[in-house]
Amino acid sequence: MSVVIEKIDWKLLGEQKQDLIMVLDVLSAELGSKKESLVGILNLLDSIQDDAVDTGIATEEEVFGD
């Protein structure tokens, strides 16, 4: 198990993801090629969250909320 993954504040990460999604929605046209990079970061965060649940590091409720 990864020590880094175990120490993630899942609620905070979820809030940060929502902030990033909001920025993408609001600034989509202005981001140009940067949008793809930010979407890649969102995909990475999704994978980390899925892995945490799949490996039993955290429950689905802990990672994704209610």
N, C-alpha and C. Protein backbone atom coordinates (compact mmCIF):
# COMPACT_ATOMS: atom_id res chain seq x y z
N MET A 1 0.83 -1.19 0.00
CA MET A 1 0.00 0.00 0.00
C MET A 1 0.88 1.25 0.00
N SER A 2 0.42 2.21 -0.70
CA SER A 2 1.16 3.45 -0.79
C SER A 2 0.87 4.34 0.41
N VAL A 3 1.92 4.80 1.05
CA VAL A 3 1.76 5.70 2.19
C VAL A 3 1.13 7.02 1.73
N VAL A 4 1.47 7.45 0.55
CA VAL A 4 0.92 8.70 0.03
C VAL A 4 -0.60 8.58 -0.13
N ILE A 5 -1.05 7.50 -0.73
CA ILE A 5 -2.48 7.29 -0.94
C ILE A 5 -3.21 7.20 0.40
N GLU A 6 -2.61 6.54 1.36
CA GLU A 6 -3.23 6.37 2.67
C GLU A 6 -3.44 7.70 3.39
N LYS A 7 -2.61 8.68 3.10
CA LYS A 7 -2.67 9.96 3.81
C LYS A 7 -3.54 11.01 3.12
N ILE A 8 -4.15 10.66 2.01
CA ILE A 8 -4.97 11.63 1.28
C ILE A 8 -6.23 11.96 2.08
N ASP A 9 -6.54 13.23 2.13
CA ASP A 9 -7.80 13.70 2.70
C ASP A 9 -8.82 13.63 1.58
N TRP A 10 -9.62 12.57 1.57
CA TRP A 10 -10.52 12.30 0.45
C TRP A 10 -11.58 13.37 0.27
N LYS A 11 -12.08 13.90 1.36
CA LYS A 11 -13.09 14.96 1.26
C LYS A 11 -12.49 16.20 0.60
N LEU A 12 -11.30 16.57 1.04
CA LEU A 12 -10.62 17.73 0.46
C LEU A 12 -10.31 17.49 -1.01
N LEU A 13 -9.85 16.30 -1.35
CA LEU A 13 -9.56 16.00 -2.75
C LEU A 13 -10.81 16.13 -3.61
N GLY A 14 -11.93 15.66 -3.09
CA GLY A 14 -13.19 15.79 -3.82
C GLY A 14 -13.57 17.24 -4.05
N GLU A 15 -13.37 18.06 -3.03
CA GLU A 15 -13.65 19.50 -3.17
C GLU A 15 -12.71 20.14 -4.19
N GLN A 16 -11.45 19.75 -4.16
CA GLN A 16 -10.48 20.29 -5.11
C GLN A 16 -10.82 19.88 -6.54
N LYS A 17 -11.27 18.64 -6.71
CA LYS A 17 -11.70 18.18 -8.03
C LYS A 17 -12.88 19.01 -8.53
N GLN A 18 -13.84 19.28 -7.65
CA GLN A 18 -14.99 20.09 -8.04
C GLN A 18 -14.56 21.50 -8.44
N ASP A 19 -13.60 22.05 -7.73
CA ASP A 19 -13.07 23.38 -8.09
C ASP A 19 -12.44 23.34 -9.48
N LEU A 20 -11.67 22.31 -9.76
CA LEU A 20 -11.03 22.17 -11.07
C LEU A 20 -12.07 22.03 -12.17
N ILE A 21 -13.10 21.25 -11.92
CA ILE A 21 -14.18 21.08 -12.89
C ILE A 21 -14.87 22.42 -13.16
N MET A 22 -15.09 23.21 -12.09
CA MET A 22 -15.71 24.52 -12.25
C MET A 22 -14.83 25.44 -13.10
N VAL A 23 -13.54 25.43 -12.83
CA VAL A 23 -12.61 26.26 -13.61
C VAL A 23 -12.64 25.84 -15.07
N LEU A 24 -12.65 24.53 -15.32
CA LEU A 24 -12.72 24.05 -16.70
C LEU A 24 -13.99 24.51 -17.39
N ASP A 25 -15.11 24.44 -16.67
CA ASP A 25 -16.39 24.86 -17.24
C ASP A 25 -16.40 26.35 -17.55
N VAL A 26 -15.91 27.15 -16.61
CA VAL A 26 -15.97 28.61 -16.75
C VAL A 26 -14.96 29.12 -17.77
N LEU A 27 -13.78 28.56 -17.76
CA LEU A 27 -12.70 29.09 -18.60
C LEU A 27 -12.39 28.21 -19.81
N SER A 28 -13.26 27.31 -20.14
CA SER A 28 -12.99 26.33 -21.20
C SER A 28 -12.46 26.97 -22.49
N ALA A 29 -13.13 28.00 -22.96
CA ALA A 29 -12.75 28.63 -24.22
C ALA A 29 -11.38 29.30 -24.14
N GLU A 30 -11.06 29.86 -22.98
CA GLU A 30 -9.80 30.59 -22.83
C GLU A 30 -8.60 29.67 -22.58
N LEU A 31 -8.85 28.44 -22.20
CA LEU A 31 -7.74 27.55 -21.83
C LEU A 31 -6.99 26.98 -23.02
N GLY A 32 -7.63 26.88 -24.15
CA GLY A 32 -6.98 26.33 -25.33
C GLY A 32 -6.40 24.96 -25.07
N SER A 33 -5.13 24.79 -25.41
CA SER A 33 -4.48 23.48 -25.26
C SER A 33 -4.28 23.10 -23.80
N LYS A 34 -4.33 24.05 -22.90
CA LYS A 34 -4.18 23.77 -21.46
C LYS A 34 -5.35 22.96 -20.93
N LYS A 35 -6.50 23.07 -21.59
CA LYS A 35 -7.68 22.33 -21.13
C LYS A 35 -7.39 20.82 -21.12
N GLU A 36 -6.74 20.34 -22.15
CA GLU A 36 -6.42 18.91 -22.23
C GLU A 36 -5.53 18.47 -21.07
N SER A 37 -4.59 19.29 -20.68
CA SER A 37 -3.72 18.98 -19.54
C SER A 37 -4.52 18.90 -18.25
N LEU A 38 -5.42 19.84 -18.07
CA LEU A 38 -6.23 19.86 -16.84
C LEU A 38 -7.20 18.68 -16.80
N VAL A 39 -7.75 18.31 -17.94
CA VAL A 39 -8.61 17.14 -17.99
C VAL A 39 -7.79 15.88 -17.67
N GLY A 40 -6.55 15.86 -18.10
CA GLY A 40 -5.66 14.74 -17.77
C GLY A 40 -5.44 14.63 -16.27
N ILE A 41 -5.30 15.77 -15.60
CA ILE A 41 -5.15 15.77 -14.13
C ILE A 41 -6.43 15.25 -13.48
N LEU A 42 -7.58 15.64 -13.99
CA LEU A 42 -8.85 15.12 -13.46
C LEU A 42 -8.91 13.60 -13.62
N ASN A 43 -8.49 13.11 -14.77
CA ASN A 43 -8.49 11.66 -15.00
C ASN A 43 -7.54 10.96 -14.04
N LEU A 44 -6.40 11.56 -13.77
CA LEU A 44 -5.45 10.99 -12.81
C LEU A 44 -6.08 10.92 -11.42
N LEU A 45 -6.74 11.98 -11.01
CA LEU A 45 -7.40 12.00 -9.70
C LEU A 45 -8.48 10.92 -9.62
N ASP A 46 -9.24 10.75 -10.71
CA ASP A 46 -10.26 9.70 -10.75
C ASP A 46 -9.61 8.32 -10.57
N SER A 47 -8.50 8.11 -11.24
CA SER A 47 -7.80 6.82 -11.14
C SER A 47 -7.29 6.57 -9.74
N ILE A 48 -6.77 7.60 -9.10
CA ILE A 48 -6.29 7.47 -7.72
C ILE A 48 -7.44 7.12 -6.80
N GLN A 49 -8.56 7.80 -6.98
CA GLN A 49 -9.73 7.52 -6.15
C GLN A 49 -10.23 6.08 -6.37
N ASP A 50 -10.32 5.67 -7.63
CA ASP A 50 -10.77 4.31 -7.93
C ASP A 50 -9.83 3.28 -7.34
N ASP A 51 -8.53 3.51 -7.44
CA ASP A 51 -7.54 2.59 -6.91
C ASP A 51 -7.64 2.47 -5.39
N ALA A 52 -7.88 3.59 -4.73
CA ALA A 52 -8.01 3.58 -3.27
C ALA A 52 -9.17 2.69 -2.84
N VAL A 53 -10.27 2.77 -3.58
CA VAL A 53 -11.43 1.95 -3.26
C VAL A 53 -11.16 0.49 -3.63
N ASP A 54 -10.62 0.26 -4.82
CA ASP A 54 -10.37 -1.10 -5.30
C ASP A 54 -9.39 -1.88 -4.43
N THR A 55 -8.42 -1.18 -3.85
CA THR A 55 -7.41 -1.84 -3.02
C THR A 55 -7.79 -1.88 -1.55
N GLY A 56 -8.91 -1.26 -1.20
CA GLY A 56 -9.38 -1.28 0.18
C GLY A 56 -8.72 -0.26 1.09
N ILE A 57 -8.01 0.69 0.52
CA ILE A 57 -7.39 1.74 1.33
C ILE A 57 -8.47 2.62 1.96
N ALA A 58 -9.54 2.84 1.22
CA ALA A 58 -10.65 3.66 1.71
C ALA A 58 -11.94 3.10 1.13
N THR A 59 -13.03 3.42 1.78
CA THR A 59 -14.33 2.98 1.28
C THR A 59 -14.80 3.93 0.19
N GLU A 60 -15.78 3.47 -0.56
CA GLU A 60 -16.35 4.31 -1.62
C GLU A 60 -16.97 5.57 -1.01
N GLU A 61 -17.60 5.44 0.14
CA GLU A 61 -18.18 6.61 0.82
C GLU A 61 -17.11 7.61 1.23
N GLU A 62 -15.98 7.11 1.75
CA GLU A 62 -14.88 8.00 2.16
C GLU A 62 -14.33 8.75 0.96
N VAL A 63 -14.19 8.06 -0.14
CA VAL A 63 -13.54 8.64 -1.32
C VAL A 63 -14.47 9.54 -2.12
N PHE A 64 -15.70 9.08 -2.32
CA PHE A 64 -16.62 9.80 -3.21
C PHE A 64 -17.74 10.53 -2.48
N GLY A 65 -17.83 10.36 -1.18
CA GLY A 65 -18.88 11.02 -0.42
C GLY A 65 -20.17 10.25 -0.46
N ASP A 66 -21.22 10.90 -0.01
CA ASP A 66 -22.54 10.25 0.07
C ASP A 66 -23.15 10.03 -1.27
